[in-house]
Amino acid sequence: MEFKPLDGARIQLIPAGKKIGNMLVDGEIDALMIPHPPRMVLEAGPKVRRLFADCKAEELKYFRKNGYFPIMHVMAFKDEVLQKHPWAARSIMAAFEKAKEVCYDYYSDPNWSVLAWARHLWEEERQLLGADPWPNGFRKNRANLERFIEYSHDQGLIDRKLPVEDLFYKETLDT
């Protein structure tokens, strides 16, 4: 996909055979943003640290300010799939909602984990973030999606701010 970085930003591909975690630990790069830190980063000791000393407090501050966590996952269809199977988008959304129900039920059971305080953490999260910090659908995510579009535009990832409705199949705008 064509991409022109903002003035002052530089994009460089990781050289073949290099591991990004090793590059961070060895000082070849200054930072990385990744959901699952590589083992070598976790074992690096004081050479590597999180951006925020108390990331949980920062994440809670963001949630309280905005009412949501930033979008993390999206589902996309090719137009021809939805033209041929217009029911597919709603069916996938329903399946994800059912899967989330199963997941929440699973995590509410204190026997699921070897973590000593798993149930306490689950209860704390519900108290702080409500019963569903990861809502599905258009209406519940509208403000989050608008912010996502704004960030994408500000960072030069897209050249214009799209109407948030343009990101959803018309049959799912009532979700």
C-alpha atoms as a PDB file:
ATOM      1  CA  MET A   1       0.000   0.000   0.000  1.00  0.00           C
ATOM      2  CA  GLU A   2       1.326   3.407  -0.907  1.00  0.00           C
ATOM      3  CA  PHE A   3       2.348   5.428   2.108  1.00  0.00           C
ATOM      4  CA  LYS A   4       4.131   8.772   2.375  1.00  0.00           C
ATOM      5  CA  PRO A   5       5.345   9.464   5.909  1.00  0.00           C
ATOM      6  CA  LEU A   6       4.871  12.889   7.442  1.00  0.00           C
ATOM      7  CA  ASP A   7       7.722  15.359   7.127  1.00  0.00           C
ATOM      8  CA  GLY A   8      10.404  14.489   9.643  1.00  0.00           C
ATOM      9  CA  ALA A   9       9.359  10.853   9.975  1.00  0.00           C
ATOM     10  CA  ARG A  10      11.545   8.096   8.614  1.00  0.00           C
ATOM     11  CA  ILE A  11      10.530   4.498   7.942  1.00  0.00           C
ATOM     12  CA  GLN A  12      13.167   1.826   7.698  1.00  0.00           C
ATOM     13  CA  LEU A  13      12.590  -1.879   7.181  1.00  0.00           C
ATOM     14  CA  ILE A  14      14.226  -4.280   9.604  1.00  0.00           C
ATOM     15  CA  PRO A  15      17.168  -5.927   7.853  1.00  0.00           C
ATOM     16  CA  ALA A  16      16.736  -9.567   6.861  1.00  0.00           C
ATOM     17  CA  GLY A  17      17.816 -11.915   9.627  1.00  0.00           C
ATOM     18  CA  LYS A  18      17.485  -9.273  12.369  1.00  0.00           C
ATOM     19  CA  LYS A  19      15.086  -9.600  15.289  1.00  0.00           C
ATOM     20  CA  ILE A  20      13.378  -6.434  16.467  1.00  0.00           C
ATOM     21  CA  GLY A  21      13.652  -7.420  20.130  1.00  0.00           C
ATOM     22  CA  ASN A  22      17.415  -7.844  19.841  1.00  0.00           C
ATOM     23  CA  MET A  23      17.662  -4.531  17.999  1.00  0.00           C
ATOM     24  CA  LEU A  24      15.969  -2.780  20.938  1.00  0.00           C
ATOM     25  CA  VAL A  25      18.084  -4.506  23.574  1.00  0.00           C
ATOM     26  CA  ASP A  26      21.270  -3.772  21.594  1.00  0.00           C
ATOM     27  CA  GLY A  27      20.364  -0.091  21.163  1.00  0.00           C
ATOM     28  CA  GLU A  28      19.946  -0.267  17.364  1.00  0.00           C
ATOM     29  CA  ILE A  29      16.411   1.131  17.719  1.00  0.00           C
ATOM     30  CA  ASP A  30      15.077   3.458  20.406  1.00  0.00           C
ATOM     31  CA  ALA A  31      11.628   1.984  20.953  1.00  0.00           C
ATOM     32  CA  LEU A  32       9.091  -0.517  19.736  1.00  0.00           C
ATOM     33  CA  MET A  33       5.358  -0.837  20.083  1.00  0.00           C
ATOM     34  CA  ILE A  34       4.174  -4.410  20.050  1.00  0.00           C
ATOM     35  CA  PRO A  35       1.393  -6.251  21.922  1.00  0.00           C
ATOM     36  CA  HIS A  36       3.554  -9.222  22.951  1.00  0.00           C
ATOM     37  CA  PRO A  37       7.103  -8.181  23.793  1.00  0.00           C
ATOM     38  CA  PRO A  38       9.729 -10.617  22.535  1.00  0.00           C
ATOM     39  CA  ARG A  39      11.330 -12.836  25.191  1.00  0.00           C
ATOM     40  CA  MET A  40      14.682 -11.058  24.923  1.00  0.00           C
ATOM     41  CA  VAL A  41      12.979  -7.733  25.709  1.00  0.00           C
ATOM     42  CA  LEU A  42      11.261  -9.170  28.778  1.00  0.00           C
ATOM     43  CA  GLU A  43      14.597 -10.590  29.965  1.00  0.00           C
ATOM     44  CA  ALA A  44      16.643  -7.441  29.221  1.00  0.00           C
ATOM     45  CA  GLY A  45      16.465  -6.097  32.761  1.00  0.00           C
ATOM     46  CA  PRO A  46      17.193  -2.385  33.224  1.00  0.00           C
ATOM     47  CA  LYS A  47      18.345  -1.932  29.607  1.00  0.00           C
ATOM     48  CA  VAL A  48      14.687  -1.764  28.510  1.00  0.00           C
ATOM     49  CA  ARG A  49      11.660  -0.247  30.203  1.00  0.00           C
ATOM     50  CA  ARG A  50       8.073   0.605  29.434  1.00  0.00           C
ATOM     51  CA  LEU A  51       7.298   4.135  28.266  1.00  0.00           C
ATOM     52  CA  PHE A  52       5.091   4.668  31.332  1.00  0.00           C
ATOM     53  CA  ALA A  53       6.190   3.372  34.739  1.00  0.00           C
ATOM     54  CA  ASP A  54       2.547   2.578  35.605  1.00  0.00           C
ATOM     55  CA  CYS A  55       1.004   1.666  32.255  1.00  0.00           C
ATOM     56  CA  LYS A  56      -2.178   0.374  33.898  1.00  0.00           C
ATOM     57  CA  ALA A  57      -2.779   3.806  35.469  1.00  0.00           C
ATOM     58  CA  GLU A  58      -2.158   5.503  32.094  1.00  0.00           C
ATOM     59  CA  GLU A  59      -4.542   3.118  30.309  1.00  0.00           C
ATOM     60  CA  LEU A  60      -7.216   3.695  32.966  1.00  0.00           C
ATOM     61  CA  LYS A  61      -6.740   7.463  32.628  1.00  0.00           C
ATOM     62  CA  TYR A  62      -7.242   7.178  28.845  1.00  0.00           C
ATOM     63  CA  PHE A  63     -10.344   5.014  29.320  1.00  0.00           C
ATOM     64  CA  ARG A  64     -11.872   7.396  31.863  1.00  0.00           C
ATOM     65  CA  LYS A  65     -11.170  10.408  29.644  1.00  0.00           C
ATOM     66  CA  ASN A  66     -12.576   8.865  26.451  1.00  0.00           C
ATOM     67  CA  GLY A  67     -14.921   6.091  27.610  1.00  0.00           C
ATOM     68  CA  TYR A  68     -13.161   3.457  25.516  1.00  0.00           C
ATOM     69  CA  PHE A  69      -9.851   1.821  24.709  1.00  0.00           C
ATOM     70  CA  PRO A  70      -8.386   2.487  21.262  1.00  0.00           C
ATOM     71  CA  ILE A  71      -9.581   0.192  18.473  1.00  0.00           C
ATOM     72  CA  MET A  72      -7.351  -2.861  18.257  1.00  0.00           C
ATOM     73  CA  HIS A  73      -8.951  -5.227  15.784  1.00  0.00           C
ATOM     74  CA  VAL A  74     -11.164  -4.816  12.752  1.00  0.00           C
ATOM     75  CA  MET A  75     -12.890  -7.216  10.403  1.00  0.00           C
ATOM     76  CA  ALA A  76     -12.858  -6.482   6.692  1.00  0.00           C
ATOM     77  CA  PHE A  77     -14.717  -8.003   3.755  1.00  0.00           C
ATOM     78  CA  LYS A  78     -14.118  -7.663   0.068  1.00  0.00           C
ATOM     79  CA  ASP A  79     -17.012  -5.799  -1.545  1.00  0.00           C
ATOM     80  CA  GLU A  80     -17.759  -8.733  -3.847  1.00  0.00           C
ATOM     81  CA  VAL A  81     -18.247 -11.051  -0.846  1.00  0.00           C
ATOM     82  CA  LEU A  82     -20.893  -8.762   0.658  1.00  0.00           C
ATOM     83  CA  GLN A  83     -22.546  -8.245  -2.710  1.00  0.00           C
ATOM     84  CA  LYS A  84     -22.869 -11.998  -3.099  1.00  0.00           C
ATOM     85  CA  HIS A  85     -23.641 -12.737   0.576  1.00  0.00           C
ATOM     86  CA  PRO A  86     -25.179  -9.596   2.148  1.00  0.00           C
ATOM     87  CA  TRP A  87     -25.973 -11.522   5.361  1.00  0.00           C
ATOM     88  CA  ALA A  88     -22.283 -12.325   6.018  1.00  0.00           C
ATOM     89  CA  ALA A  89     -21.338  -9.102   7.853  1.00  0.00           C
ATOM     90  CA  ARG A  90     -24.148  -9.361  10.402  1.00  0.00           C
ATOM     91  CA  SER A  91     -23.526 -13.087  10.831  1.00  0.00           C
ATOM     92  CA  ILE A  92     -19.842 -12.549  11.564  1.00  0.00           C
ATOM     93  CA  MET A  93     -20.693  -9.791  14.039  1.00  0.00           C
ATOM     94  CA  ALA A  94     -23.176 -12.086  15.781  1.00  0.00           C
ATOM     95  CA  ALA A  95     -20.557 -14.847  15.939  1.00  0.00           C
ATOM     96  CA  PHE A  96     -18.014 -12.476  17.494  1.00  0.00           C
ATOM     97  CA  GLU A  97     -20.576 -11.318  20.057  1.00  0.00           C
ATOM     98  CA  LYS A  98     -21.383 -14.938  20.975  1.00  0.00           C
ATOM     99  CA  ALA A  99     -17.665 -15.755  21.221  1.00  0.00           C
ATOM    100  CA  LYS A 100     -17.195 -12.795  23.552  1.00  0.00           C
ATOM    101  CA  GLU A 101     -20.024 -14.055  25.777  1.00  0.00           C
ATOM    102  CA  VAL A 102     -18.364 -17.475  25.953  1.00  0.00           C
ATOM    103  CA  CYS A 103     -15.014 -15.835  26.725  1.00  0.00           C
ATOM    104  CA  TYR A 104     -16.439 -13.614  29.491  1.00  0.00           C
ATOM    105  CA  ASP A 105     -18.179 -16.613  31.028  1.00  0.00           C
ATOM    106  CA  TYR A 106     -14.921 -18.550  30.919  1.00  0.00           C
ATOM    107  CA  TYR A 107     -12.901 -15.784  32.572  1.00  0.00           C
ATOM    108  CA  SER A 108     -15.503 -15.270  35.280  1.00  0.00           C
ATOM    109  CA  ASP A 109     -14.663 -18.787  36.533  1.00  0.00           C
ATOM    110  CA  PRO A 110     -11.758 -18.641  39.033  1.00  0.00           C
ATOM    111  CA  ASN A 111     -10.680 -22.159  38.038  1.00  0.00           C
ATOM    112  CA  TRP A 112      -9.544 -21.141  34.532  1.00  0.00           C
ATOM    113  CA  SER A 113      -6.128 -19.825  35.500  1.00  0.00           C
ATOM    114  CA  VAL A 114      -3.014 -20.615  37.472  1.00  0.00           C
ATOM    115  CA  LEU A 115      -2.820 -16.920  38.417  1.00  0.00           C
ATOM    116  CA  ALA A 116      -3.471 -16.526  42.129  1.00  0.00           C
ATOM    117  CA  TRP A 117      -5.486 -13.329  41.744  1.00  0.00           C
ATOM    118  CA  ALA A 118      -7.158 -13.936  38.403  1.00  0.00           C
ATOM    119  CA  ARG A 119     -10.692 -13.671  39.781  1.00  0.00           C
ATOM    120  CA  HIS A 120      -9.805 -10.516  41.737  1.00  0.00           C
ATOM    121  CA  LEU A 121      -8.309  -8.933  38.634  1.00  0.00           C
ATOM    122  CA  TRP A 122     -11.390  -9.870  36.590  1.00  0.00           C
ATOM    123  CA  GLU A 123     -13.633  -8.256  39.235  1.00  0.00           C
ATOM    124  CA  GLU A 124     -11.423  -5.153  39.424  1.00  0.00           C
ATOM    125  CA  GLU A 125     -11.530  -4.735  35.643  1.00  0.00           C
ATOM    126  CA  ARG A 126     -15.332  -4.948  35.608  1.00  0.00           C
ATOM    127  CA  GLN A 127     -15.543  -2.413  38.431  1.00  0.00           C
ATOM    128  CA  LEU A 128     -13.207   0.046  36.683  1.00  0.00           C
ATOM    129  CA  LEU A 129     -14.204  -0.488  33.051  1.00  0.00           C
ATOM    130  CA  GLY A 130     -17.747  -1.816  33.219  1.00  0.00           C
ATOM    131  CA  ALA A 131     -19.150  -5.140  32.094  1.00  0.00           C
ATOM    132  CA  ASP A 132     -17.989  -4.813  28.492  1.00  0.00           C
ATOM    133  CA  PRO A 133     -14.799  -2.829  27.852  1.00  0.00           C
ATOM    134  CA  TRP A 134     -14.575  -4.318  24.336  1.00  0.00           C
ATOM    135  CA  PRO A 135     -17.921  -3.514  22.666  1.00  0.00           C
ATOM    136  CA  ASN A 136     -18.669  -4.732  19.154  1.00  0.00           C
ATOM    137  CA  GLY A 137     -20.643  -2.901  16.507  1.00  0.00           C
ATOM    138  CA  PHE A 138     -20.981   0.510  14.930  1.00  0.00           C
ATOM    139  CA  ARG A 139     -22.961   2.554  17.456  1.00  0.00           C
ATOM    140  CA  LYS A 140     -20.960   1.510  20.523  1.00  0.00           C
ATOM    141  CA  ASN A 141     -17.708   2.270  18.704  1.00  0.00           C
ATOM    142  CA  ARG A 142     -18.612   5.413  16.794  1.00  0.00           C
ATOM    143  CA  ALA A 143     -16.550   7.834  18.936  1.00  0.00           C
ATOM    144  CA  ASN A 144     -13.660   5.365  19.019  1.00  0.00           C
ATOM    145  CA  LEU A 145     -13.755   4.977  15.232  1.00  0.00           C
ATOM    146  CA  GLU A 146     -13.896   8.749  14.737  1.00  0.00           C
ATOM    147  CA  ARG A 147     -10.789   9.097  16.934  1.00  0.00           C
ATOM    148  CA  PHE A 148      -9.116   6.259  14.970  1.00  0.00           C
ATOM    149  CA  ILE A 149      -9.781   8.136  11.716  1.00  0.00           C
ATOM    150  CA  GLU A 150      -8.506  11.385  13.254  1.00  0.00           C
ATOM    151  CA  TYR A 151      -5.285   9.703  14.464  1.00  0.00           C
ATOM    152  CA  SER A 152      -4.791   8.016  11.085  1.00  0.00           C
ATOM    153  CA  HIS A 153      -5.177  11.348   9.300  1.00  0.00           C
ATOM    154  CA  ASP A 154      -2.947  13.215  11.766  1.00  0.00           C
ATOM    155  CA  GLN A 155      -0.224  10.591  11.340  1.00  0.00           C
ATOM    156  CA  GLY A 156      -0.429  10.710   7.550  1.00  0.00           C
ATOM    157  CA  LEU A 157      -1.760   7.167   7.195  1.00  0.00           C
ATOM    158  CA  ILE A 158      -4.775   8.454   5.251  1.00  0.00           C
ATOM    159  CA  ASP A 159      -4.975  11.596   3.140  1.00  0.00           C
ATOM    160  CA  ARG A 160      -8.512  12.610   4.142  1.00  0.00           C
ATOM    161  CA  LYS A 161     -10.874  12.054   7.054  1.00  0.00           C
ATOM    162  CA  LEU A 162     -13.464   9.508   5.987  1.00  0.00           C
ATOM    163  CA  PRO A 163     -17.031   9.540   7.294  1.00  0.00           C
ATOM    164  CA  VAL A 164     -17.103   6.754   9.880  1.00  0.00           C
ATOM    165  CA  GLU A 165     -20.162   5.246   8.153  1.00  0.00           C
ATOM    166  CA  ASP A 166     -17.959   4.527   5.134  1.00  0.00           C
ATOM    167  CA  LEU A 167     -16.045   1.957   7.178  1.00  0.00           C
ATOM    168  CA  PHE A 168     -19.121  -0.215   7.796  1.00  0.00           C
ATOM    169  CA  TYR A 169     -21.358  -2.215   5.521  1.00  0.00           C
ATOM    170  CA  LYS A 170     -24.755  -0.467   5.374  1.00  0.00           C
ATOM    171  CA  GLU A 171     -26.481  -3.517   6.848  1.00  0.00           C
ATOM    172  CA  THR A 172     -24.431  -3.174  10.060  1.00  0.00           C
ATOM    173  CA  LEU A 173     -24.878   0.533  10.805  1.00  0.00           C
ATOM    174  CA  ASP A 174     -27.607  -0.284  13.341  1.00  0.00           C
ATOM    175  CA  THR A 175     -25.325  -2.547  15.399  1.00  0.00           C
END
